[in-house]
Protein backbone atom coordinates (compact mmCIF):
# COMPACT_ATOMS: atom_id res chain seq x y z
CA MET A 1 20.08 -25.61 -39.35
CA ILE A 2 21.54 -26.91 -42.37
CA PRO A 3 24.56 -29.24 -41.78
CA VAL A 4 27.90 -27.72 -42.89
CA SER A 5 28.48 -30.75 -45.19
CA GLU A 6 25.67 -29.34 -47.38
CA ALA A 7 26.71 -26.54 -49.71
CA LYS A 8 24.70 -23.85 -50.59
CA LYS A 9 24.06 -20.40 -52.58
CA HIS A 10 22.72 -17.15 -50.87
CA ASP A 11 22.36 -13.60 -51.61
CA LEU A 12 24.27 -12.06 -48.60
CA VAL A 13 26.49 -14.47 -46.22
CA VAL A 14 27.00 -12.81 -42.71
CA ILE A 15 29.93 -13.86 -40.75
CA GLY A 16 29.39 -13.42 -37.17
CA ALA A 17 26.09 -13.48 -35.01
CA GLY A 18 26.64 -10.77 -32.57
CA PRO A 19 24.46 -7.56 -32.28
CA GLY A 20 25.85 -6.51 -35.54
CA GLY A 21 25.86 -9.69 -37.61
CA TYR A 22 22.58 -10.93 -36.55
CA ALA A 23 20.75 -7.66 -37.08
CA ALA A 24 21.99 -7.50 -40.52
CA ALA A 25 20.80 -10.77 -41.15
CA ILE A 26 17.62 -10.33 -40.06
CA ARG A 27 17.29 -7.25 -41.49
CA ALA A 28 18.36 -8.13 -44.93
CA ALA A 29 16.11 -11.32 -44.83
CA GLN A 30 13.08 -8.94 -44.00
CA LEU A 31 13.96 -7.15 -47.30
CA GLY A 32 13.67 -10.18 -49.27
CA LEU A 33 17.08 -11.39 -49.63
CA ASP A 34 18.34 -15.05 -49.29
CA VAL A 35 20.55 -14.84 -46.16
CA GLY A 36 23.00 -17.20 -44.62
CA CYS A 37 24.54 -16.40 -41.02
CA VAL A 38 27.68 -18.26 -39.73
CA GLU A 39 28.67 -18.09 -36.05
CA LYS A 40 31.45 -20.55 -34.71
CA GLU A 41 29.79 -20.46 -31.22
CA ALA A 42 26.90 -22.80 -30.39
CA ARG A 43 24.93 -19.79 -28.67
CA LEU A 44 24.04 -16.86 -31.08
CA GLY A 45 24.40 -13.44 -29.84
CA GLY A 46 27.98 -12.98 -29.74
CA THR A 47 30.10 -11.90 -26.79
CA CYS A 48 27.68 -8.89 -25.82
CA LEU A 49 24.52 -11.39 -25.29
CA ARG A 50 26.60 -14.43 -24.07
CA VAL A 51 29.69 -13.18 -22.06
CA GLY A 52 29.13 -9.39 -21.93
CA CYS A 53 26.63 -6.75 -21.90
CA ILE A 54 23.69 -8.69 -20.80
CA PRO A 55 25.14 -11.08 -18.01
CA SER A 56 27.21 -8.27 -16.70
CA LYS A 57 24.02 -6.18 -16.55
CA ALA A 58 22.44 -8.99 -14.62
CA LEU A 59 24.98 -9.14 -12.22
CA LEU A 60 24.91 -5.32 -11.63
CA GLU A 61 21.15 -5.26 -10.95
CA SER A 62 21.65 -8.35 -8.47
CA SER A 63 24.48 -6.77 -6.67
CA GLU A 64 22.88 -3.35 -6.69
CA LYS A 65 19.82 -5.11 -4.68
CA TYR A 66 21.90 -6.87 -2.26
CA ALA A 67 23.90 -3.69 -1.51
CA GLU A 68 20.64 -1.74 -1.15
CA ALA A 69 19.17 -4.76 1.05
CA GLN A 70 22.34 -4.30 3.41
CA HIS A 71 22.47 -0.32 3.56
CA GLY A 72 20.07 1.12 1.60
CA LEU A 73 16.81 0.95 2.61
CA GLU A 74 16.55 2.75 6.09
CA VAL A 75 16.05 5.79 4.94
CA HIS A 76 12.64 4.73 3.23
CA GLY A 77 11.50 3.31 6.74
CA ILE A 78 12.42 -0.16 5.78
CA LYS A 79 14.67 -2.23 7.97
CA VAL A 80 15.78 -5.46 6.60
CA GLY A 81 17.89 -7.86 8.90
CA GLY A 82 20.08 -10.50 7.89
CA ALA A 83 20.47 -10.45 4.06
CA LYS A 84 22.63 -13.19 2.86
CA LEU A 85 24.25 -13.59 -0.31
CA ASP A 86 23.50 -16.78 -2.41
CA LEU A 87 26.04 -16.44 -5.38
CA ALA A 88 25.00 -19.62 -6.64
CA ALA A 89 21.50 -18.53 -7.12
CA MET A 90 22.63 -14.98 -8.69
CA MET A 91 24.49 -16.68 -11.25
CA ALA A 92 21.67 -18.94 -12.32
CA ARG A 93 19.86 -16.05 -12.87
CA LYS A 94 22.31 -14.31 -14.93
CA ASP A 95 22.46 -17.64 -16.85
CA GLY A 96 18.73 -17.96 -17.41
CA ILE A 97 18.22 -14.24 -18.60
CA VAL A 98 21.29 -15.17 -21.39
CA THR A 99 19.74 -18.53 -22.68
CA ALA A 100 16.26 -16.83 -23.01
CA LEU A 101 17.91 -14.16 -25.09
CA THR A 102 19.80 -16.68 -27.13
CA ASP A 103 17.03 -18.71 -27.87
CA GLY A 104 15.02 -15.66 -28.90
CA ILE A 105 17.50 -14.85 -31.44
CA ALA A 106 17.43 -18.44 -32.73
CA GLY A 107 13.79 -17.96 -33.15
CA LEU A 108 14.07 -15.15 -34.96
CA PHE A 109 16.45 -16.55 -37.32
CA LYS A 110 13.73 -19.26 -37.95
CA GLY A 111 10.98 -16.85 -38.28
CA ASN A 112 12.79 -14.70 -40.74
CA LYS A 113 14.20 -17.93 -42.86
CA VAL A 114 17.96 -17.06 -41.99
CA THR A 115 19.64 -20.18 -42.55
CA ARG A 116 22.30 -20.65 -39.52
CA TYR A 117 25.67 -22.23 -40.07
CA GLU A 118 27.91 -23.40 -36.79
CA GLY A 119 31.39 -23.28 -37.38
CA ALA A 120 34.36 -21.08 -37.97
CA ALA A 121 34.28 -19.63 -41.17
CA GLN A 122 36.93 -18.00 -43.55
CA LEU A 123 36.84 -16.01 -46.87
CA ASP A 124 37.93 -18.30 -49.55
CA GLY A 125 38.38 -15.88 -52.71
CA PRO A 126 35.83 -13.31 -53.94
CA GLY A 127 32.17 -14.23 -53.39
CA ARG A 128 33.01 -17.49 -51.12
CA VAL A 129 32.88 -18.29 -47.41
CA ARG A 130 34.06 -21.75 -46.11
CA VAL A 131 32.90 -23.39 -42.94
CA GLY A 132 34.68 -26.51 -42.33
CA ASP A 133 34.36 -28.51 -45.67
CA THR A 134 31.29 -26.49 -47.04
CA VAL A 135 32.11 -23.43 -49.63
CA LEU A 136 29.18 -20.99 -49.09
CA GLU A 137 28.55 -18.82 -52.43
CA ALA A 138 27.17 -15.35 -51.87
CA GLY A 139 27.37 -12.12 -54.03
CA LYS A 140 27.57 -10.19 -50.94
CA ILE A 141 29.35 -10.96 -47.51
CA ILE A 142 29.41 -9.13 -44.49
CA ILE A 143 32.19 -9.62 -42.02
CA ALA A 144 30.92 -9.14 -38.20
CA THR A 145 33.32 -11.02 -36.04
CA GLY A 146 33.64 -8.64 -33.47
CA SER A 147 36.42 -8.24 -30.75
CA THR A 148 37.92 -9.90 -28.01
CA ALA A 149 39.61 -9.03 -24.84
CA ALA A 150 43.34 -7.44 -25.14
CA SER A 151 45.83 -8.70 -22.88
CA VAL A 152 48.62 -6.87 -21.25
CA PRO A 153 52.42 -8.03 -21.56
CA GLY A 154 53.75 -10.29 -18.76
CA VAL A 155 50.12 -10.92 -17.51
CA LYS A 156 49.81 -14.61 -17.35
CA MET A 157 46.04 -15.27 -17.48
CA ASP A 158 44.90 -18.80 -16.67
CA GLY A 159 41.13 -18.06 -17.27
CA ASP A 160 40.33 -18.68 -13.61
CA ARG A 161 42.56 -16.33 -10.94
CA ILE A 162 43.62 -14.03 -13.44
CA GLY A 163 41.09 -13.62 -16.25
CA ASP A 164 39.28 -11.24 -18.49
CA SER A 165 35.50 -10.37 -18.44
CA THR A 166 34.36 -13.58 -19.13
CA ALA A 167 36.04 -15.42 -16.26
CA ALA A 168 34.98 -12.17 -13.81
CA LEU A 169 31.26 -13.26 -14.64
CA ALA A 170 31.44 -16.85 -13.48
CA TRP A 171 33.67 -16.57 -10.23
CA PRO A 172 32.32 -19.20 -7.81
CA GLU A 173 32.93 -17.30 -4.72
CA VAL A 174 33.72 -13.51 -3.85
CA PRO A 175 37.20 -12.56 -3.61
CA GLU A 176 38.55 -11.27 -0.65
CA LYS A 177 40.92 -8.90 -2.50
CA LEU A 178 40.47 -7.88 -6.28
CA ILE A 179 42.66 -5.96 -8.59
CA VAL A 180 40.85 -4.85 -11.59
CA ILE A 181 43.66 -3.73 -14.16
CA GLY A 182 41.90 -1.13 -16.18
CA ALA A 183 39.71 1.52 -15.28
CA GLY A 184 37.39 1.64 -18.20
CA TYR A 185 33.80 0.74 -18.43
CA ILE A 186 34.52 -2.91 -18.23
CA GLY A 187 36.85 -2.87 -15.23
CA LEU A 188 34.59 -0.40 -13.30
CA GLU A 189 31.36 -2.09 -14.06
CA LEU A 190 32.63 -5.40 -12.82
CA GLY A 191 34.96 -3.88 -10.00
CA SER A 192 31.65 -2.39 -8.72
CA VAL A 193 29.77 -6.02 -8.85
CA TRP A 194 32.36 -7.79 -6.68
CA ALA A 195 32.65 -4.93 -4.43
CA ARG A 196 28.93 -4.84 -3.51
CA LEU A 197 29.20 -8.47 -2.89
CA GLY A 198 32.03 -7.91 -0.18
CA ALA A 199 35.40 -7.79 -2.36
CA GLN A 200 38.10 -5.58 -1.34
CA VAL A 201 38.79 -3.82 -4.62
CA THR A 202 41.83 -1.81 -6.16
CA VAL A 203 41.87 -0.54 -9.50
CA LEU A 204 44.81 -0.08 -11.54
CA GLU A 205 45.08 2.44 -14.34
CA TYR A 206 47.82 3.11 -16.98
CA LEU A 207 46.49 6.61 -17.72
CA LYS A 208 46.35 9.61 -14.83
CA ARG A 209 42.36 9.45 -14.74
CA ILE A 210 39.50 6.79 -15.24
CA LEU A 211 37.07 6.26 -17.66
CA PRO A 212 39.40 6.92 -20.82
CA GLY A 213 37.48 9.14 -23.61
CA THR A 214 34.73 10.37 -21.10
CA ASP A 215 34.03 13.84 -20.54
CA GLY A 216 36.67 14.60 -17.84
CA GLU A 217 34.47 16.47 -15.16
CA ILE A 218 31.85 13.56 -15.23
CA ALA A 219 34.93 11.21 -14.74
CA ARG A 220 36.01 13.23 -12.02
CA VAL A 221 32.53 13.38 -10.21
CA ALA A 222 32.44 9.42 -10.75
CA GLN A 223 35.83 8.80 -9.22
CA GLN A 224 34.79 10.70 -6.30
CA LEU A 225 31.61 8.62 -5.73
CA PHE A 226 33.27 5.21 -6.48
CA LYS A 227 35.75 6.15 -3.75
CA LYS A 228 32.99 6.60 -1.19
CA GLN A 229 31.66 3.14 -2.20
CA GLY A 230 34.99 1.74 -1.39
CA LEU A 231 36.87 1.30 -4.77
CA ALA A 232 40.61 2.31 -4.25
CA PHE A 233 42.47 3.41 -7.33
CA GLU A 234 46.04 3.61 -8.28
CA LEU A 235 46.37 6.00 -11.19
CA GLY A 236 49.54 6.37 -13.62
CA ALA A 237 50.30 2.64 -12.69
CA LYS A 238 51.84 0.38 -15.20
CA VAL A 239 51.34 -2.95 -15.05
CA THR A 240 54.48 -4.77 -15.82
CA GLY A 241 53.46 -8.24 -14.73
CA ALA A 242 50.95 -10.59 -12.85
CA ARG A 243 51.14 -14.40 -11.82
CA VAL A 244 49.72 -16.82 -9.31
CA LYS A 245 52.58 -17.79 -7.00
CA GLY A 246 51.48 -19.60 -3.64
CA GLY A 247 48.08 -19.89 -4.08
CA LYS A 248 47.77 -15.90 -4.34
CA CYS A 249 48.00 -13.71 -7.34
CA VAL A 250 50.86 -11.11 -7.40
CA VAL A 251 50.80 -8.31 -9.44
CA GLU A 252 53.94 -6.17 -10.46
CA VAL A 253 53.51 -2.50 -10.91
CA GLU A 254 56.48 -0.22 -12.32
CA GLY A 255 58.12 1.38 -9.34
CA LYS A 256 55.90 0.19 -6.54
CA GLU A 257 55.88 -3.07 -4.67
CA PRO A 258 54.06 -5.98 -5.87
CA LEU A 259 50.41 -6.15 -4.86
CA SER A 260 48.53 -9.33 -3.96
CA ALA A 261 45.14 -10.29 -4.33
CA ASP A 262 42.78 -13.51 -4.51
CA ARG A 263 41.72 -12.82 -8.28
CA VAL A 264 42.99 -10.39 -11.01
CA LEU A 265 40.41 -9.06 -13.56
CA VAL A 266 42.27 -7.61 -16.59
CA ALA A 267 40.09 -4.90 -18.25
CA VAL A 268 42.19 -3.11 -20.82
CA GLY A 269 40.09 -2.81 -23.73
CA ARG A 270 39.32 -5.08 -26.92
CA LYS A 271 40.91 -6.26 -29.90
CA PRO A 272 39.46 -7.23 -33.26
CA VAL A 273 38.81 -10.52 -34.20
CA THR A 274 40.57 -11.41 -37.64
CA ASP A 275 42.62 -14.44 -37.17
CA GLY A 276 42.11 -17.27 -39.34
CA LEU A 277 39.36 -15.06 -41.55
CA ASN A 278 41.88 -15.34 -44.57
CA LEU A 279 41.07 -11.84 -45.40
CA GLU A 280 43.62 -11.25 -48.11
CA SER A 281 42.18 -13.77 -50.31
CA ALA A 282 39.27 -11.34 -50.75
CA GLY A 283 41.29 -8.19 -50.76
CA VAL A 284 40.21 -7.02 -47.23
CA LYS A 285 42.83 -5.02 -45.56
CA LEU A 286 43.54 -4.21 -42.13
CA ASP A 287 44.61 -0.80 -40.71
CA ASP A 288 47.77 -0.12 -38.33
CA ARG A 289 45.78 -1.26 -35.29
CA GLY A 290 44.29 -4.46 -36.88
CA PHE A 291 40.97 -3.45 -37.61
CA ILE A 292 39.20 -3.68 -40.89
CA LYS A 293 39.63 -0.94 -43.19
CA ILE A 294 36.20 0.13 -44.79
CA ASP A 295 35.02 3.12 -46.94
CA ALA A 296 32.19 5.51 -45.84
CA HIS A 297 29.51 2.94 -46.70
CA HIS A 298 31.31 0.28 -44.71
CA ARG A 299 32.65 -1.50 -47.97
CA ALA A 300 35.88 -3.43 -47.28
CA ALA A 301 36.31 -4.76 -50.87
CA GLU A 302 34.66 -5.93 -53.84
CA GLY A 303 31.64 -7.78 -52.62
CA VAL A 304 32.56 -7.37 -48.80
CA TRP A 305 31.54 -5.26 -46.42
CA ALA A 306 32.42 -5.13 -42.40
CA ILE A 307 30.84 -3.67 -39.42
CA GLY A 308 31.02 -3.52 -35.46
CA ASP A 309 33.99 -3.80 -33.36
CA VAL A 310 35.85 -5.41 -36.35
CA VAL A 311 35.88 -2.05 -38.05
CA GLY A 312 36.92 -0.04 -34.67
CA GLY A 313 35.28 3.22 -33.46
CA LEU A 314 33.06 2.95 -30.70
CA LEU A 315 33.06 -1.03 -29.38
CA LEU A 316 29.67 -0.95 -28.57
CA ALA A 317 26.94 -3.23 -29.47
CA HIS A 318 24.27 -0.80 -30.39
CA LYS A 319 26.68 0.83 -32.73
CA ALA A 320 27.37 -2.60 -34.46
CA THR A 321 23.38 -3.00 -34.74
CA GLU A 322 22.92 0.38 -36.10
CA GLU A 323 25.81 -0.56 -38.91
CA GLY A 324 24.45 -3.86 -39.54
CA VAL A 325 20.96 -2.73 -40.40
CA ALA A 326 21.97 0.39 -42.52
CA VAL A 327 24.38 -2.11 -44.65
CA ALA A 328 21.89 -4.66 -44.78
CA GLU A 329 19.36 -1.89 -46.30
CA ARG A 330 21.63 -0.60 -48.54
CA LEU A 331 22.69 -4.19 -49.98
CA ALA A 332 18.79 -4.57 -50.54
CA GLY A 333 18.50 -1.46 -52.45
CA LYS A 334 17.60 1.25 -49.75
CA ALA A 335 19.07 4.45 -48.70
CA GLY A 336 20.33 2.65 -44.94
CA HIS A 337 21.30 5.27 -42.27
CA PHE A 338 24.06 5.46 -39.75
CA ASP A 339 25.57 8.55 -37.99
CA PRO A 340 29.03 7.53 -36.07
CA ALA A 341 28.79 11.06 -34.36
CA VAL A 342 25.44 10.18 -32.48
CA ILE A 343 26.04 7.02 -30.74
CA PRO A 344 25.50 7.04 -26.69
CA ALA A 345 27.87 5.28 -24.57
CA VAL A 346 26.84 4.00 -21.12
CA CYS A 347 28.73 2.53 -17.93
CA TYR A 348 26.30 0.72 -15.82
CA THR A 349 27.88 1.67 -12.52
CA ASP A 350 26.06 2.94 -9.90
CA PRO A 351 25.30 5.94 -10.45
CA GLU A 352 25.13 5.30 -13.85
CA ILE A 353 27.57 7.14 -16.48
CA ALA A 354 25.99 8.12 -20.05
CA GLY A 355 27.40 10.39 -22.77
CA VAL A 356 26.83 11.45 -26.62
CA GLY A 357 28.63 13.60 -28.68
CA HIS A 358 31.50 15.51 -28.22
CA THR A 359 33.31 16.20 -24.61
CA GLU A 360 34.08 19.02 -23.17
CA GLU A 361 38.01 18.49 -23.79
CA GLN A 362 37.30 17.74 -27.51
CA LEU A 363 35.76 20.96 -28.08
CA LYS A 364 38.38 22.99 -26.47
CA ASP A 365 41.21 21.12 -28.44
CA ASP A 366 39.26 21.51 -31.82
CA GLY A 367 38.51 25.38 -30.98
CA VAL A 368 34.93 24.96 -30.98
CA PRO A 369 32.87 27.92 -29.28
CA TYR A 370 30.64 26.37 -26.80
CA ASN A 371 28.32 27.07 -23.81
CA LYS A 372 27.79 24.82 -20.85
CA GLY A 373 24.73 24.10 -18.84
CA VAL A 374 25.07 21.82 -15.89
CA TYR A 375 22.57 20.80 -13.30
CA THR A 376 22.66 18.23 -10.17
CA PHE A 377 20.30 15.86 -9.30
CA ARG A 378 20.15 16.99 -5.52
CA SER A 379 17.51 19.20 -6.30
CA ASN A 380 15.40 17.04 -8.49
CA GLY A 381 11.98 16.03 -6.80
CA ARG A 382 12.17 12.50 -8.30
CA ALA A 383 15.84 11.96 -7.55
CA MET A 384 15.13 12.61 -3.80
CA ALA A 385 12.05 10.42 -3.89
CA LEU A 386 14.55 7.76 -5.25
CA ASP A 387 17.26 8.69 -2.57
CA ARG A 388 19.39 9.03 -5.72
CA VAL A 389 20.88 12.51 -5.66
CA GLU A 390 24.44 12.23 -6.49
CA GLY A 391 25.33 13.34 -10.07
CA ARG A 392 24.74 15.79 -12.59
CA VAL A 393 23.79 16.49 -16.44
CA LYS A 394 26.28 18.69 -18.60
CA VAL A 395 24.78 19.89 -21.67
CA LEU A 396 27.20 21.35 -24.45
CA ALA A 397 26.08 23.56 -27.10
CA HIS A 398 27.56 25.51 -29.83
CA LYS A 399 28.33 29.27 -28.61
CA GLU A 400 26.74 30.85 -32.01
CA THR A 401 23.85 28.67 -33.11
CA ASP A 402 22.94 26.68 -29.92
CA ARG A 403 22.86 23.48 -31.44
CA VAL A 404 23.72 20.89 -28.79
CA LEU A 405 27.25 19.33 -29.41
CA GLY A 406 27.31 16.91 -26.32
CA VAL A 407 25.36 15.91 -23.59
CA HIS A 408 27.04 13.78 -20.39
CA ILE A 409 25.44 12.51 -17.36
CA ILE A 410 26.10 10.66 -14.01
CA GLY A 411 23.45 9.96 -12.16
CA PRO A 412 20.41 7.61 -11.67
CA ARG A 413 19.13 6.12 -14.75
CA ALA A 414 21.57 8.06 -16.89
CA GLY A 415 21.48 5.37 -19.28
CA ASP A 416 17.84 5.84 -20.09
CA LEU A 417 17.88 9.57 -19.93
CA ILE A 418 20.89 9.73 -22.68
CA ALA A 419 18.46 8.56 -25.23
CA GLU A 420 16.38 11.77 -25.42
CA ALA A 421 19.91 13.72 -25.81
CA THR A 422 20.70 11.34 -28.57
CA ALA A 423 17.41 12.02 -30.14
CA ALA A 424 17.52 15.45 -30.01
CA MET A 425 21.29 15.61 -31.22
CA ALA A 426 20.15 13.11 -34.13
CA PHE A 427 17.47 16.02 -35.46
CA GLY A 428 19.88 18.91 -35.18
CA ALA A 429 18.26 20.10 -31.89
CA SER A 430 19.42 23.32 -29.91
CA ALA A 431 19.80 23.57 -26.37
CA GLU A 432 16.90 25.79 -26.26
CA ASP A 433 14.77 22.99 -28.16
CA ILE A 434 15.40 20.74 -25.29
CA GLY A 435 14.66 23.40 -22.57
CA ARG A 436 11.40 24.36 -23.98
CA VAL A 437 9.87 20.91 -24.59
CA CYS A 438 7.70 20.12 -21.80
CA HIS A 439 8.84 17.48 -19.37
CA ALA A 440 6.68 15.27 -17.12
CA HIS A 441 7.30 16.29 -13.59
CA PRO A 442 8.43 14.85 -11.27
CA THR A 443 10.76 12.76 -13.22
CA LEU A 444 14.81 12.57 -13.56
CA SER A 445 14.66 13.87 -17.30
CA GLU A 446 13.65 17.38 -15.66
CA VAL A 447 17.26 17.80 -14.68
CA LEU A 448 18.22 17.37 -18.44
CA LYS A 449 15.83 20.17 -19.12
CA GLU A 450 17.36 22.15 -16.56
CA ALA A 451 20.80 22.11 -17.96
CA ALA A 452 19.90 22.61 -21.30
CA LEU A 453 18.13 25.54 -20.30
CA GLY A 454 21.45 26.48 -18.41
CA ALA A 455 23.06 26.18 -21.70
CA TYR A 456 21.31 28.90 -23.58
CA ASP A 457 20.39 31.22 -20.76
CA LYS A 458 19.84 29.90 -17.23
CA PRO A 459 17.82 27.01 -15.62
CA LEU A 460 14.58 27.90 -14.28
CA HIS A 461 15.17 26.36 -10.76
CA SER A 462 18.48 28.28 -9.82
């Protein structure tokens, strides 16, 4: 790593080493550009790798195994007695995975000759980036500073008893009572983790439904299944305040009696990180929500591009990665391809929830004629063998052309199954195309095949 006291010129400087930034830096270097990447954290990988996607999925997997050992193996003829929780070991495993992956990115930087600068960056006029006392010069700059957890007015977050997802990934003990503010992906994933480990979880959501933006039918099925797992929901709940008082967390909800809990997780979305970047010095502008304005090619100003959460859209790591690769390729003189209409989203609860493309509500609102095919996991041989029969696959196809417009899944390994649907949609496939492709038997993917068959004709096994 070059000390920040030494100035250096580069073809490209990337600000931020999260999934979008590090992917852009590596791809640009692979294509022959001299690349510098500035990251203020000691470890590379951004929020997703350090305190987001990766550690949360590690805890989700571990907590699922703990729950299964307690009450999920008897049906398989396996009796387990006295399963005990070692939370410290679970947390250590999670931390080990994060360390291995962050070290891996550092190795990729070294292997691809990306120069790493540690420190907070700010633009210093066109073609210049300041890191401490050093000014980096580059004809091309990519901003990939990501997002941070949003807050709720009146909620006093102390980073411990009342905190965001980062705090909830490292609590030293299982809270007896946990209140989750926000019924989106983050709230439900981490709420599920702590519920499996023994917490009594109540989820407060301002809207009248859970999983905003998810297909409504899928969200309704999800809520029913989460209730069976012990999660309590209060919808239409406007939180007006939260504080620690007398050793307990007190959460105030408009029109209701205050709620008490041992810990509170605030998961109400994310906001872009732009403070301190001195964007105006290079002519970069923000929209009304604070995201960086970009054109169709992710250009934010002359010589400046922006990608990932900081530009809005779906705030997802893989979306940022695809944007980063596409922009890097364009800057290296190649075409670069990114299609914002075909970005899958996955909620890693149990069962998993995944979707790509339009929801049924969106098609109705837009007046698009469509056919719908729905098939459940309950009659699928592989799902029965796994004892994971809850859920369904939903395929939405244009009524006149049969082109697939959206696919939504709740069920076992939905996050893996959505990849086939995403690939099919990326190449303009019809529901009949998916339905006529030979799927291995017995596999969970056969449920997608049957739902596709149902969208253009009728399922075979109906």
